Amino acid sequence: MKTDNGSKASRAKSEGTTDTGKGGAPKTAAGKPEPALAVGDKVLTSADPGPSGKASKDEPGVIVDDFAATLVEGADYGRDWALARRWAIQLDNGRLVFRSTDELRRAG
């Protein structure tokens, strides 16, 4: 008996997409599927993410590296600080930050 060890949601998470149910991939304002994030894409992200619920200013930047191949899904690092993130973002102000897909928005 063959089993599928990776659920659709976990595969989508590792590929940087989100499962939107019947609709498939996330949609743009024009209703077209939004392409997955990739190195070279312009994005907005918080320069200094704070505690949940605390507002932070979004900064523009460019994705410079993708660490998806090195992430271990569901890994328990034994800590809740300095956790691995998928994307390396070079902010326009020169800072290098690391973010998860859900911490990014496409720049206008």
C-alpha atoms as a PDB file:
ATOM      1  CA  MET A   1       0.000   0.000   0.000  1.00  0.00           C
ATOM      2  CA  LYS A   2       1.497   3.302  -1.098  1.00  0.00           C
ATOM      3  CA  THR A   3       1.031   6.373   1.093  1.00  0.00           C
ATOM      4  CA  ASP A   4       1.621  10.025   0.361  1.00  0.00           C
ATOM      5  CA  ASN A   5       3.931  11.386   3.062  1.00  0.00           C
ATOM      6  CA  GLY A   6       3.612  15.005   1.934  1.00  0.00           C
ATOM      7  CA  SER A   7       0.269  16.724   2.146  1.00  0.00           C
ATOM      8  CA  LYS A   8      -0.788  19.296  -0.436  1.00  0.00           C
ATOM      9  CA  ALA A   9      -0.487  22.043   2.175  1.00  0.00           C
ATOM     10  CA  SER A  10       3.031  21.050   3.215  1.00  0.00           C
ATOM     11  CA  ARG A  11       4.186  20.801  -0.423  1.00  0.00           C
ATOM     12  CA  ALA A  12       2.683  24.217  -1.141  1.00  0.00           C
ATOM     13  CA  LYS A  13       4.407  25.677   1.917  1.00  0.00           C
ATOM     14  CA  SER A  14       7.788  24.302   0.874  1.00  0.00           C
ATOM     15  CA  GLU A  15       7.278  25.661  -2.648  1.00  0.00           C
ATOM     16  CA  GLY A  16       6.407  29.140  -1.365  1.00  0.00           C
ATOM     17  CA  THR A  17       2.790  29.070  -2.449  1.00  0.00           C
ATOM     18  CA  THR A  18      -0.418  29.084  -0.486  1.00  0.00           C
ATOM     19  CA  ASP A  19      -3.359  26.752  -0.858  1.00  0.00           C
ATOM     20  CA  THR A  20      -6.448  28.803  -1.560  1.00  0.00           C
ATOM     21  CA  GLY A  21      -8.862  25.885  -1.839  1.00  0.00           C
ATOM     22  CA  LYS A  22     -10.838  25.465  -5.063  1.00  0.00           C
ATOM     23  CA  GLY A  23      -9.352  28.615  -6.576  1.00  0.00           C
ATOM     24  CA  GLY A  24      -5.796  27.253  -6.811  1.00  0.00           C
ATOM     25  CA  ALA A  25      -2.874  29.702  -6.606  1.00  0.00           C
ATOM     26  CA  PRO A  26      -3.238  33.174  -5.074  1.00  0.00           C
ATOM     27  CA  LYS A  27      -4.847  35.621  -7.492  1.00  0.00           C
ATOM     28  CA  THR A  28      -3.763  39.084  -8.615  1.00  0.00           C
ATOM     29  CA  ALA A  29      -6.208  42.007  -8.655  1.00  0.00           C
ATOM     30  CA  ALA A  30      -6.940  41.134 -12.297  1.00  0.00           C
ATOM     31  CA  GLY A  31      -7.916  37.594 -11.253  1.00  0.00           C
ATOM     32  CA  LYS A  32      -4.841  35.942 -12.810  1.00  0.00           C
ATOM     33  CA  PRO A  33      -2.749  33.472 -10.790  1.00  0.00           C
ATOM     34  CA  GLU A  34       0.062  35.240  -8.961  1.00  0.00           C
ATOM     35  CA  PRO A  35       3.473  33.772  -9.832  1.00  0.00           C
ATOM     36  CA  ALA A  36       5.513  32.246  -7.015  1.00  0.00           C
ATOM     37  CA  LEU A  37       8.220  34.390  -5.454  1.00  0.00           C
ATOM     38  CA  ALA A  38      11.721  34.015  -6.884  1.00  0.00           C
ATOM     39  CA  VAL A  39      15.212  35.476  -6.636  1.00  0.00           C
ATOM     40  CA  GLY A  40      15.211  38.954  -8.200  1.00  0.00           C
ATOM     41  CA  ASP A  41      11.600  39.794  -7.261  1.00  0.00           C
ATOM     42  CA  LYS A  42      10.935  43.179  -5.661  1.00  0.00           C
ATOM     43  CA  VAL A  43       9.144  42.780  -2.326  1.00  0.00           C
ATOM     44  CA  LEU A  44       8.053  44.664   0.777  1.00  0.00           C
ATOM     45  CA  THR A  45       8.786  43.357   4.247  1.00  0.00           C
ATOM     46  CA  SER A  46       9.102  44.633   7.765  1.00  0.00           C
ATOM     47  CA  ALA A  47      12.631  45.789   8.482  1.00  0.00           C
ATOM     48  CA  ASP A  48      12.251  44.915  12.162  1.00  0.00           C
ATOM     49  CA  PRO A  49       9.325  42.575  12.823  1.00  0.00           C
ATOM     50  CA  GLY A  50       8.090  42.982  16.345  1.00  0.00           C
ATOM     51  CA  PRO A  51       5.736  41.016  18.544  1.00  0.00           C
ATOM     52  CA  SER A  52       2.424  39.927  17.057  1.00  0.00           C
ATOM     53  CA  GLY A  53      -0.022  42.776  16.648  1.00  0.00           C
ATOM     54  CA  LYS A  54       2.632  45.487  16.798  1.00  0.00           C
ATOM     55  CA  ALA A  55       2.773  47.589  13.622  1.00  0.00           C
ATOM     56  CA  SER A  56       6.061  47.888  11.787  1.00  0.00           C
ATOM     57  CA  LYS A  57       7.010  49.916   8.726  1.00  0.00           C
ATOM     58  CA  ASP A  58       7.394  47.952   5.491  1.00  0.00           C
ATOM     59  CA  GLU A  59      10.643  48.441   3.599  1.00  0.00           C
ATOM     60  CA  PRO A  60      11.251  47.716  -0.105  1.00  0.00           C
ATOM     61  CA  GLY A  61      13.911  45.261  -1.177  1.00  0.00           C
ATOM     62  CA  VAL A  62      14.904  42.493  -3.595  1.00  0.00           C
ATOM     63  CA  ILE A  63      15.056  38.740  -2.994  1.00  0.00           C
ATOM     64  CA  VAL A  64      18.737  37.754  -3.338  1.00  0.00           C
ATOM     65  CA  ASP A  65      18.655  34.084  -2.269  1.00  0.00           C
ATOM     66  CA  ASP A  66      16.237  31.207  -1.696  1.00  0.00           C
ATOM     67  CA  PHE A  67      17.061  28.671   1.009  1.00  0.00           C
ATOM     68  CA  ALA A  68      14.054  26.373   0.421  1.00  0.00           C
ATOM     69  CA  ALA A  69      16.273  23.367  -0.285  1.00  0.00           C
ATOM     70  CA  THR A  70      17.968  23.661   3.115  1.00  0.00           C
ATOM     71  CA  LEU A  71      14.876  24.092   5.300  1.00  0.00           C
ATOM     72  CA  VAL A  72      13.569  21.160   7.315  1.00  0.00           C
ATOM     73  CA  GLU A  73       9.779  21.308   7.591  1.00  0.00           C
ATOM     74  CA  GLY A  74       8.469  20.981  11.113  1.00  0.00           C
ATOM     75  CA  ALA A  75      11.983  21.043  12.564  1.00  0.00           C
ATOM     76  CA  ASP A  76      12.194  21.467  16.320  1.00  0.00           C
ATOM     77  CA  TYR A  77      15.314  23.501  16.985  1.00  0.00           C
ATOM     78  CA  GLY A  78      14.757  23.461  20.740  1.00  0.00           C
ATOM     79  CA  ARG A  79      14.451  27.251  20.748  1.00  0.00           C
ATOM     80  CA  ASP A  80      12.104  29.965  19.572  1.00  0.00           C
ATOM     81  CA  TRP A  81      14.784  32.430  18.453  1.00  0.00           C
ATOM     82  CA  ALA A  82      17.088  32.556  15.395  1.00  0.00           C
ATOM     83  CA  LEU A  83      14.891  30.215  13.384  1.00  0.00           C
ATOM     84  CA  ALA A  84      15.708  29.506   9.743  1.00  0.00           C
ATOM     85  CA  ARG A  85      13.908  31.591   7.105  1.00  0.00           C
ATOM     86  CA  ARG A  86      13.463  30.822   3.413  1.00  0.00           C
ATOM     87  CA  TRP A  87      14.351  34.122   1.749  1.00  0.00           C
ATOM     88  CA  ALA A  88      17.354  36.494   1.926  1.00  0.00           C
ATOM     89  CA  ILE A  89      16.184  40.047   1.177  1.00  0.00           C
ATOM     90  CA  GLN A  90      18.511  42.942   0.346  1.00  0.00           C
ATOM     91  CA  LEU A  91      16.593  46.005   1.532  1.00  0.00           C
ATOM     92  CA  ASP A  92      16.930  49.222  -0.445  1.00  0.00           C
ATOM     93  CA  ASN A  93      18.603  50.801   2.595  1.00  0.00           C
ATOM     94  CA  GLY A  94      21.442  48.242   2.342  1.00  0.00           C
ATOM     95  CA  ARG A  95      20.431  45.871   5.153  1.00  0.00           C
ATOM     96  CA  LEU A  96      20.237  42.121   4.566  1.00  0.00           C
ATOM     97  CA  VAL A  97      17.272  40.413   6.276  1.00  0.00           C
ATOM     98  CA  PHE A  98      15.896  36.879   6.232  1.00  0.00           C
ATOM     99  CA  ARG A  99      12.158  36.265   5.978  1.00  0.00           C
ATOM    100  CA  SER A 100       9.560  33.531   5.524  1.00  0.00           C
ATOM    101  CA  THR A 101       7.161  33.687   2.583  1.00  0.00           C
ATOM    102  CA  ASP A 102       4.278  34.859   4.773  1.00  0.00           C
ATOM    103  CA  GLU A 103       6.367  37.892   5.842  1.00  0.00           C
ATOM    104  CA  LEU A 104       6.658  39.195   2.244  1.00  0.00           C
ATOM    105  CA  ARG A 105       4.411  41.147  -0.102  1.00  0.00           C
ATOM    106  CA  ARG A 106       5.113  41.913  -3.738  1.00  0.00           C
ATOM    107  CA  ALA A 107       6.190  45.496  -4.297  1.00  0.00           C
ATOM    108  CA  GLY A 108       3.697  47.550  -6.351  1.00  0.00           C
END
